[in-house]
Amino acid sequence: MFCLSVANADEVTAKIISCGIFTVPNKHRIQEVPEAFSGTVRIYKGLPTLEIATNQIPAKIGTDFGFIYKISNLPLKDGEEVELVKAVNNPGIKKPDGKTSQTSEWKLKKVVMDGCVVDYSGFGFDYDYELVPGVWKFEIKYKGKAVCTQTFTVVEK
């Protein structure tokens, strides 16, 4: 696990709370995000449940993996939204249209409470073409700077 944080008390800090294989809530909504690998992302209420703490992920349909992070000392009032960026790098997903995609990056808006955001960032294997072994790297960025970084190694099941 790797997470960047800053030492100055007036600056934003971040940490990874848990990472591995998760059970995600059955109830979710699908949001179109053209920048995402599949063109959509799942939006949940609440946080998924950690099932196995690991960074070794089996390439298997139905596996959801990622991390829960906390960003603190945000200079915003309760209820205000902070803009973050989620970036994902993978060894190269070859999509059904024949194009290969290794990077994806898009904006997130998260509600701040007590100067903090606690959220989940991850990926779920829904399609065979997504089952790509190798190193997958996730980053959460604040004001252009990576504040949380987590890597996973996807292995053939």
Foldseek 3Di string as FASTA:
>chain_A
DDFAADDDPQDKAKDWPAWDWWDADPDWDWDADCLDPVRIDTGHDDATGDDDGDQEAELDAFTKTWTKMKMANAPDEFFAKAKKKKKKADPWQQDPVRDIDGIGMDIDIAGDDNRMGIYIDIDGRHDNSVSGFAKMKMFIGHPRHTRTIDIHGYDHD
